[in-house]
Amino acid sequence: MPIFITCDIDWASEEVLADTFAIFEQYNVKCTLFATHDSEVVKNCNKNIFEVAIHPNFNPLLEGKSTVSANEVIDKLLEIYPTAKGVRSHGLVQSSRLLSLYKQKSILYECDHFCPYQKIEPYALWNGLLRIPYNWEDDIHYLHEKDFGALGVNLLSDDLLIFDFHPIHIFLNTDCEATYLQAKPYYHDYKHLKEYRNTQKKGVRDALITILEYLKENQTRTTTLSEFYYQFSTKA
């Protein structure tokens, strides 16, 4: 069964990012990173394991709090990560205009369609971009008050599974919204953030390790979303 793991880095601190990356390194499992900002940890990550895509934030534009254009938001991230071939926007903002911009900038795929716990299939859009939906996200899992001892999807099925994790929740082992909200004021204060890590209940970190252990035990070869794009294009 094809399993893909992605991470939206969401302005996490360098220490938190390094913590997440070390887990993937330990299990030698590939991951696609959707980057929000300039990070040395992301820039210097092991490219044999990590693919770097972009995670542009258009919310300030939608809220009327920014005069920077969508085009400039995308270009800024592509200047930092010029090899990026994929995109998932922060907040899953979608429009035909954005899809046209992505295509103009040689983006190959976008991942802005979220279908929690549902069966998903990639498909080509009218402009040649590949839309790759995803069907699991850590914060949605806890917002639905679901137990992290159960993923809500079947790892043994033949269905495509694409997971989305956030380094902050991996680090905190977030089990519910209250855990995150208590820690959020210290988002970039690593010393204090450590005090809010959940060690009592199953959380996001536990869920990630469950998946990684499954992949290890079954000797499952993992790929990034760019690799998936090329595999899909060849079959198409």
C-alpha atoms as a PDB file:
ATOM      1  CA  MET A   1       0.000   0.000   0.000  1.00  0.00           C
ATOM      2  CA  PRO A   2       1.378   3.427  -0.910  1.00  0.00           C
ATOM      3  CA  ILE A   3       2.045   5.583   2.151  1.00  0.00           C
ATOM      4  CA  PHE A   4       3.467   9.095   1.935  1.00  0.00           C
ATOM      5  CA  ILE A   5       4.377  11.389   4.811  1.00  0.00           C
ATOM      6  CA  THR A   6       4.463  15.156   4.559  1.00  0.00           C
ATOM      7  CA  CYS A   7       5.217  17.924   7.046  1.00  0.00           C
ATOM      8  CA  ASP A   8       4.005  21.529   7.037  1.00  0.00           C
ATOM      9  CA  ILE A   9       6.805  23.235   8.938  1.00  0.00           C
ATOM     10  CA  ASP A  10       4.689  26.275   9.892  1.00  0.00           C
ATOM     11  CA  TRP A  11       7.476  28.566  11.150  1.00  0.00           C
ATOM     12  CA  ALA A  12       8.726  26.042  13.693  1.00  0.00           C
ATOM     13  CA  SER A  13      12.013  26.846  15.425  1.00  0.00           C
ATOM     14  CA  GLU A  14      15.263  25.306  14.243  1.00  0.00           C
ATOM     15  CA  GLU A  15      15.429  23.085  17.337  1.00  0.00           C
ATOM     16  CA  VAL A  16      11.917  21.757  16.752  1.00  0.00           C
ATOM     17  CA  LEU A  17      12.631  21.113  13.077  1.00  0.00           C
ATOM     18  CA  ALA A  18      15.856  19.297  13.929  1.00  0.00           C
ATOM     19  CA  ASP A  19      13.932  17.115  16.380  1.00  0.00           C
ATOM     20  CA  THR A  20      11.438  16.081  13.683  1.00  0.00           C
ATOM     21  CA  PHE A  21      14.088  15.495  11.033  1.00  0.00           C
ATOM     22  CA  ALA A  22      16.045  13.246  13.386  1.00  0.00           C
ATOM     23  CA  ILE A  23      13.075  10.888  13.657  1.00  0.00           C
ATOM     24  CA  PHE A  24      12.853  10.456   9.894  1.00  0.00           C
ATOM     25  CA  GLU A  25      16.624  10.004   9.738  1.00  0.00           C
ATOM     26  CA  GLN A  26      16.449   7.315  12.402  1.00  0.00           C
ATOM     27  CA  TYR A  27      13.878   5.310  10.435  1.00  0.00           C
ATOM     28  CA  ASN A  28      15.278   6.226   7.015  1.00  0.00           C
ATOM     29  CA  VAL A  29      11.790   7.158   5.796  1.00  0.00           C
ATOM     30  CA  LYS A  30      11.291   9.813   3.146  1.00  0.00           C
ATOM     31  CA  CYS A  31       9.236  12.919   3.827  1.00  0.00           C
ATOM     32  CA  THR A  32       8.067  15.911   1.791  1.00  0.00           C
ATOM     33  CA  LEU A  33       8.506  19.204   3.643  1.00  0.00           C
ATOM     34  CA  PHE A  34       6.285  22.183   2.888  1.00  0.00           C
ATOM     35  CA  ALA A  35       8.399  25.167   3.909  1.00  0.00           C
ATOM     36  CA  THR A  36       7.027  28.465   5.206  1.00  0.00           C
ATOM     37  CA  HIS A  37      10.216  30.414   5.824  1.00  0.00           C
ATOM     38  CA  ASP A  38      13.983  30.581   5.485  1.00  0.00           C
ATOM     39  CA  SER A  39      15.507  27.854   7.633  1.00  0.00           C
ATOM     40  CA  GLU A  40      19.079  26.601   7.723  1.00  0.00           C
ATOM     41  CA  VAL A  41      17.878  23.266   9.081  1.00  0.00           C
ATOM     42  CA  VAL A  42      15.583  22.854   6.083  1.00  0.00           C
ATOM     43  CA  LYS A  43      18.200  24.055   3.605  1.00  0.00           C
ATOM     44  CA  ASN A  44      20.762  21.623   4.996  1.00  0.00           C
ATOM     45  CA  CYS A  45      18.445  18.648   5.412  1.00  0.00           C
ATOM     46  CA  ASN A  46      19.370  15.241   4.008  1.00  0.00           C
ATOM     47  CA  LYS A  47      18.083  15.418   0.423  1.00  0.00           C
ATOM     48  CA  ASN A  48      18.171  11.622   0.215  1.00  0.00           C
ATOM     49  CA  ILE A  49      15.325  11.616   2.729  1.00  0.00           C
ATOM     50  CA  PHE A  50      13.640  15.017   2.462  1.00  0.00           C
ATOM     51  CA  GLU A  51      12.099  16.847  -0.463  1.00  0.00           C
ATOM     52  CA  VAL A  52      11.516  20.567   0.075  1.00  0.00           C
ATOM     53  CA  ALA A  53       8.307  22.023  -1.384  1.00  0.00           C
ATOM     54  CA  ILE A  54       6.721  25.377  -0.500  1.00  0.00           C
ATOM     55  CA  HIS A  55       3.931  26.347   1.913  1.00  0.00           C
ATOM     56  CA  PRO A  56       2.972  29.936   0.994  1.00  0.00           C
ATOM     57  CA  ASN A  57       0.802  31.955   3.364  1.00  0.00           C
ATOM     58  CA  PHE A  58      -1.885  33.950   1.563  1.00  0.00           C
ATOM     59  CA  ASN A  59      -3.969  34.600   4.683  1.00  0.00           C
ATOM     60  CA  PRO A  60      -2.687  38.182   5.244  1.00  0.00           C
ATOM     61  CA  LEU A  61      -3.826  39.011   1.700  1.00  0.00           C
ATOM     62  CA  LEU A  62      -7.268  37.541   2.300  1.00  0.00           C
ATOM     63  CA  GLU A  63      -7.552  39.469   5.553  1.00  0.00           C
ATOM     64  CA  GLY A  64      -6.488  42.751   3.951  1.00  0.00           C
ATOM     65  CA  LYS A  65      -3.391  42.941   6.154  1.00  0.00           C
ATOM     66  CA  SER A  66      -0.786  42.848   3.386  1.00  0.00           C
ATOM     67  CA  THR A  67      -0.078  44.671   0.155  1.00  0.00           C
ATOM     68  CA  VAL A  68       2.282  41.941  -1.045  1.00  0.00           C
ATOM     69  CA  SER A  69       0.807  40.126  -4.046  1.00  0.00           C
ATOM     70  CA  ALA A  70       0.256  36.381  -4.265  1.00  0.00           C
ATOM     71  CA  ASN A  71       2.903  36.337  -6.969  1.00  0.00           C
ATOM     72  CA  GLU A  72       5.418  37.934  -4.581  1.00  0.00           C
ATOM     73  CA  VAL A  73       4.530  35.518  -1.775  1.00  0.00           C
ATOM     74  CA  ILE A  74       5.309  32.567  -4.036  1.00  0.00           C
ATOM     75  CA  ASP A  75       8.450  34.145  -5.490  1.00  0.00           C
ATOM     76  CA  LYS A  76       9.871  34.871  -2.046  1.00  0.00           C
ATOM     77  CA  LEU A  77       9.709  31.195  -1.094  1.00  0.00           C
ATOM     78  CA  LEU A  78      11.036  30.040  -4.452  1.00  0.00           C
ATOM     79  CA  GLU A  79      14.014  32.350  -4.024  1.00  0.00           C
ATOM     80  CA  ILE A  80      14.789  30.517  -0.777  1.00  0.00           C
ATOM     81  CA  TYR A  81      13.994  27.046  -2.141  1.00  0.00           C
ATOM     82  CA  PRO A  82      14.560  27.287  -5.908  1.00  0.00           C
ATOM     83  CA  THR A  83      14.346  23.542  -6.522  1.00  0.00           C
ATOM     84  CA  ALA A  84      10.832  23.240  -5.036  1.00  0.00           C
ATOM     85  CA  LYS A  85       8.388  21.442  -7.334  1.00  0.00           C
ATOM     86  CA  GLY A  86       5.386  21.130  -5.043  1.00  0.00           C
ATOM     87  CA  VAL A  87       3.062  23.423  -3.117  1.00  0.00           C
ATOM     88  CA  ARG A  88       0.534  23.257  -0.316  1.00  0.00           C
ATOM     89  CA  SER A  89      -0.712  26.650   0.790  1.00  0.00           C
ATOM     90  CA  HIS A  90      -1.071  27.519   4.467  1.00  0.00           C
ATOM     91  CA  GLY A  91      -4.777  27.277   5.229  1.00  0.00           C
ATOM     92  CA  LEU A  92      -5.344  25.347   1.982  1.00  0.00           C
ATOM     93  CA  VAL A  93      -6.164  28.486   0.002  1.00  0.00           C
ATOM     94  CA  GLN A  94      -7.189  27.556  -3.529  1.00  0.00           C
ATOM     95  CA  SER A  95      -8.111  29.406  -6.710  1.00  0.00           C
ATOM     96  CA  SER A  96      -7.676  29.054 -10.448  1.00  0.00           C
ATOM     97  CA  ARG A  97      -5.478  32.168 -10.357  1.00  0.00           C
ATOM     98  CA  LEU A  98      -3.113  30.541  -7.871  1.00  0.00           C
ATOM     99  CA  LEU A  99      -3.026  27.344  -9.903  1.00  0.00           C
ATOM    100  CA  SER A 100      -2.043  29.392 -12.964  1.00  0.00           C
ATOM    101  CA  LEU A 101       0.724  31.100 -10.997  1.00  0.00           C
ATOM    102  CA  TYR A 102       2.067  27.747  -9.808  1.00  0.00           C
ATOM    103  CA  LYS A 103       2.144  26.455 -13.363  1.00  0.00           C
ATOM    104  CA  GLN A 104       3.962  29.581 -14.590  1.00  0.00           C
ATOM    105  CA  LYS A 105       6.626  28.987 -11.946  1.00  0.00           C
ATOM    106  CA  SER A 106       7.238  25.366 -12.982  1.00  0.00           C
ATOM    107  CA  ILE A 107       5.514  23.835  -9.971  1.00  0.00           C
ATOM    108  CA  LEU A 108       4.555  20.264 -10.807  1.00  0.00           C
ATOM    109  CA  TYR A 109       1.987  19.346  -8.163  1.00  0.00           C
ATOM    110  CA  GLU A 110      -0.237  20.883  -5.505  1.00  0.00           C
ATOM    111  CA  CYS A 111      -1.657  19.367  -2.311  1.00  0.00           C
ATOM    112  CA  ASP A 112      -4.424  21.720  -1.231  1.00  0.00           C
ATOM    113  CA  HIS A 113      -7.296  19.247  -1.252  1.00  0.00           C
ATOM    114  CA  PHE A 114      -7.865  17.601   2.133  1.00  0.00           C
ATOM    115  CA  CYS A 115     -10.270  14.654   2.508  1.00  0.00           C
ATOM    116  CA  PRO A 116     -10.059  13.452   6.133  1.00  0.00           C
ATOM    117  CA  TYR A 117     -10.008   9.642   6.427  1.00  0.00           C
ATOM    118  CA  GLN A 118     -11.417   9.280   2.891  1.00  0.00           C
ATOM    119  CA  LYS A 119     -10.252   7.367  -0.160  1.00  0.00           C
ATOM    120  CA  ILE A 120      -8.149   9.625  -2.383  1.00  0.00           C
ATOM    121  CA  GLU A 121      -6.761   9.581  -5.910  1.00  0.00           C
ATOM    122  CA  PRO A 122      -4.411  12.036  -7.640  1.00  0.00           C
ATOM    123  CA  TYR A 123      -5.575  13.605 -10.884  1.00  0.00           C
ATOM    124  CA  ALA A 124      -4.291  16.005 -13.509  1.00  0.00           C
ATOM    125  CA  LEU A 125      -5.728  19.526 -13.549  1.00  0.00           C
ATOM    126  CA  TRP A 126      -6.596  21.407 -16.731  1.00  0.00           C
ATOM    127  CA  ASN A 127      -3.258  23.230 -16.771  1.00  0.00           C
ATOM    128  CA  GLY A 128      -1.084  20.160 -16.332  1.00  0.00           C
ATOM    129  CA  LEU A 129      -0.535  20.381 -12.571  1.00  0.00           C
ATOM    130  CA  LEU A 130      -1.059  17.167 -10.667  1.00  0.00           C
ATOM    131  CA  ARG A 131      -3.442  17.516  -7.752  1.00  0.00           C
ATOM    132  CA  ILE A 132      -2.436  15.179  -4.944  1.00  0.00           C
ATOM    133  CA  PRO A 133      -5.103  15.145  -2.212  1.00  0.00           C
ATOM    134  CA  TYR A 134      -4.245  13.991   1.291  1.00  0.00           C
ATOM    135  CA  ASN A 135      -6.347  12.245   3.891  1.00  0.00           C
ATOM    136  CA  TRP A 136      -4.821  12.589   7.357  1.00  0.00           C
ATOM    137  CA  GLU A 137      -3.644  15.599   9.378  1.00  0.00           C
ATOM    138  CA  ASP A 138      -2.492  15.706  12.980  1.00  0.00           C
ATOM    139  CA  ASP A 139      -4.321  18.839  14.134  1.00  0.00           C
ATOM    140  CA  ILE A 140      -7.592  17.773  12.510  1.00  0.00           C
ATOM    141  CA  HIS A 141      -7.262  14.438  14.316  1.00  0.00           C
ATOM    142  CA  TYR A 142      -7.160  16.127  17.702  1.00  0.00           C
ATOM    143  CA  LEU A 143      -9.782  18.749  16.766  1.00  0.00           C
ATOM    144  CA  HIS A 144     -12.097  15.820  16.035  1.00  0.00           C
ATOM    145  CA  GLU A 145     -11.166  14.578  19.528  1.00  0.00           C
ATOM    146  CA  LYS A 146      -9.881  11.320  18.105  1.00  0.00           C
ATOM    147  CA  ASP A 147      -7.579   8.990  20.012  1.00  0.00           C
ATOM    148  CA  PHE A 148      -3.985   8.990  18.731  1.00  0.00           C
ATOM    149  CA  GLY A 149      -3.791   5.319  19.607  1.00  0.00           C
ATOM    150  CA  ALA A 150      -5.884   4.825  16.457  1.00  0.00           C
ATOM    151  CA  LEU A 151      -5.146   6.612  13.191  1.00  0.00           C
ATOM    152  CA  GLY A 152      -8.636   6.403  11.730  1.00  0.00           C
ATOM    153  CA  VAL A 153      -7.197   4.867   8.541  1.00  0.00           C
ATOM    154  CA  ASN A 154      -6.106   1.324   7.797  1.00  0.00           C
ATOM    155  CA  LEU A 155      -2.384   0.919   7.195  1.00  0.00           C
ATOM    156  CA  LEU A 156      -3.053  -2.573   5.865  1.00  0.00           C
ATOM    157  CA  SER A 157      -5.434  -1.468   3.117  1.00  0.00           C
ATOM    158  CA  ASP A 158      -4.497  -0.995  -0.523  1.00  0.00           C
ATOM    159  CA  ASP A 159      -5.718   2.603  -0.509  1.00  0.00           C
ATOM    160  CA  LEU A 160      -3.425   5.577  -0.961  1.00  0.00           C
ATOM    161  CA  LEU A 161      -2.566   7.244   2.360  1.00  0.00           C
ATOM    162  CA  ILE A 162      -0.946  10.661   2.547  1.00  0.00           C
ATOM    163  CA  PHE A 163      -0.261  11.956   6.049  1.00  0.00           C
ATOM    164  CA  ASP A 164       0.388  15.545   7.069  1.00  0.00           C
ATOM    165  CA  PHE A 165       2.268  16.270  10.286  1.00  0.00           C
ATOM    166  CA  HIS A 166       3.495  19.509  11.863  1.00  0.00           C
ATOM    167  CA  PRO A 167       6.877  19.580  13.644  1.00  0.00           C
ATOM    168  CA  ILE A 168       5.436  21.574  16.550  1.00  0.00           C
ATOM    169  CA  HIS A 169       2.888  18.832  17.229  1.00  0.00           C
ATOM    170  CA  ILE A 170       5.487  16.098  16.789  1.00  0.00           C
ATOM    171  CA  PHE A 171       7.722  17.854  19.306  1.00  0.00           C
ATOM    172  CA  LEU A 172       4.930  18.463  21.811  1.00  0.00           C
ATOM    173  CA  ASN A 173       3.351  15.060  21.177  1.00  0.00           C
ATOM    174  CA  THR A 174       0.091  17.005  21.036  1.00  0.00           C
ATOM    175  CA  ASP A 175      -2.870  14.933  22.181  1.00  0.00           C
ATOM    176  CA  CYS A 176      -5.570  17.619  22.229  1.00  0.00           C
ATOM    177  CA  GLU A 177      -6.122  21.286  21.490  1.00  0.00           C
ATOM    178  CA  ALA A 178      -5.532  22.336  25.104  1.00  0.00           C
ATOM    179  CA  THR A 179      -1.995  20.909  25.042  1.00  0.00           C
ATOM    180  CA  TYR A 180      -1.123  22.994  22.010  1.00  0.00           C
ATOM    181  CA  LEU A 181      -2.785  26.187  23.226  1.00  0.00           C
ATOM    182  CA  GLN A 182      -0.897  26.038  26.522  1.00  0.00           C
ATOM    183  CA  ALA A 183       2.402  25.725  24.671  1.00  0.00           C
ATOM    184  CA  LYS A 184       1.646  28.139  21.827  1.00  0.00           C
ATOM    185  CA  PRO A 185       2.844  31.325  23.632  1.00  0.00           C
ATOM    186  CA  TYR A 186       6.315  29.712  23.739  1.00  0.00           C
ATOM    187  CA  TYR A 187       6.311  28.638  20.076  1.00  0.00           C
ATOM    188  CA  HIS A 188       9.806  30.038  19.503  1.00  0.00           C
ATOM    189  CA  ASP A 189      11.042  29.702  23.079  1.00  0.00           C
ATOM    190  CA  TYR A 190      12.559  26.231  22.963  1.00  0.00           C
ATOM    191  CA  LYS A 191      13.603  26.231  26.612  1.00  0.00           C
ATOM    192  CA  HIS A 192      10.060  26.796  27.849  1.00  0.00           C
ATOM    193  CA  LEU A 193       8.388  24.847  25.066  1.00  0.00           C
ATOM    194  CA  LYS A 194      10.019  21.663  26.340  1.00  0.00           C
ATOM    195  CA  GLU A 195       8.064  22.024  29.581  1.00  0.00           C
ATOM    196  CA  TYR A 196       4.775  21.514  27.718  1.00  0.00           C
ATOM    197  CA  ARG A 197       5.553  18.216  26.001  1.00  0.00           C
ATOM    198  CA  ASN A 198       2.848  15.631  26.531  1.00  0.00           C
ATOM    199  CA  THR A 199       4.165  12.451  28.141  1.00  0.00           C
ATOM    200  CA  GLN A 200       0.921  11.139  29.628  1.00  0.00           C
ATOM    201  CA  LYS A 201      -1.283  10.272  26.650  1.00  0.00           C
ATOM    202  CA  LYS A 202      -0.906   9.021  23.102  1.00  0.00           C
ATOM    203  CA  GLY A 203      -0.225  11.978  20.841  1.00  0.00           C
ATOM    204  CA  VAL A 204       1.048  13.110  17.457  1.00  0.00           C
ATOM    205  CA  ARG A 205       4.608  11.881  17.978  1.00  0.00           C
ATOM    206  CA  ASP A 206       3.294   8.465  18.956  1.00  0.00           C
ATOM    207  CA  ALA A 207       1.133   8.363  15.817  1.00  0.00           C
ATOM    208  CA  LEU A 208       4.107   9.217  13.604  1.00  0.00           C
ATOM    209  CA  ILE A 209       6.269   6.543  15.213  1.00  0.00           C
ATOM    210  CA  THR A 210       3.466   3.997  14.758  1.00  0.00           C
ATOM    211  CA  ILE A 211       3.550   4.676  11.009  1.00  0.00           C
ATOM    212  CA  LEU A 212       7.342   4.650  10.840  1.00  0.00           C
ATOM    213  CA  GLU A 213       7.526   1.377  12.774  1.00  0.00           C
ATOM    214  CA  TYR A 214       4.987  -0.144  10.402  1.00  0.00           C
ATOM    215  CA  LEU A 215       7.033   0.918   7.378  1.00  0.00           C
ATOM    216  CA  LYS A 216      10.206  -0.436   8.965  1.00  0.00           C
ATOM    217  CA  GLU A 217       8.713  -3.773   9.947  1.00  0.00           C
ATOM    218  CA  ASN A 218       7.267  -4.270   6.470  1.00  0.00           C
ATOM    219  CA  GLN A 219      10.437  -3.036   4.764  1.00  0.00           C
ATOM    220  CA  THR A 220       8.304  -0.623   2.781  1.00  0.00           C
ATOM    221  CA  ARG A 221      10.160   1.605   0.337  1.00  0.00           C
ATOM    222  CA  THR A 222       9.029   5.207   0.698  1.00  0.00           C
ATOM    223  CA  THR A 223       9.142   8.053  -1.795  1.00  0.00           C
ATOM    224  CA  THR A 224       8.626  11.798  -1.821  1.00  0.00           C
ATOM    225  CA  LEU A 225       5.739  13.480  -3.596  1.00  0.00           C
ATOM    226  CA  SER A 226       7.949  14.598  -6.469  1.00  0.00           C
ATOM    227  CA  GLU A 227       8.943  10.973  -6.998  1.00  0.00           C
ATOM    228  CA  PHE A 228       5.270  10.069  -6.858  1.00  0.00           C
ATOM    229  CA  TYR A 229       4.552  12.748  -9.473  1.00  0.00           C
ATOM    230  CA  TYR A 230       7.029  11.234 -11.891  1.00  0.00           C
ATOM    231  CA  GLN A 231       5.720   7.725 -11.262  1.00  0.00           C
ATOM    232  CA  PHE A 232       2.163   8.899 -11.914  1.00  0.00           C
ATOM    233  CA  SER A 233       3.166  10.795 -15.051  1.00  0.00           C
ATOM    234  CA  THR A 234       4.958   7.754 -16.469  1.00  0.00           C
ATOM    235  CA  LYS A 235       1.916   5.543 -15.930  1.00  0.00           C
ATOM    236  CA  ALA A 236      -0.408   8.195 -17.361  1.00  0.00           C
END
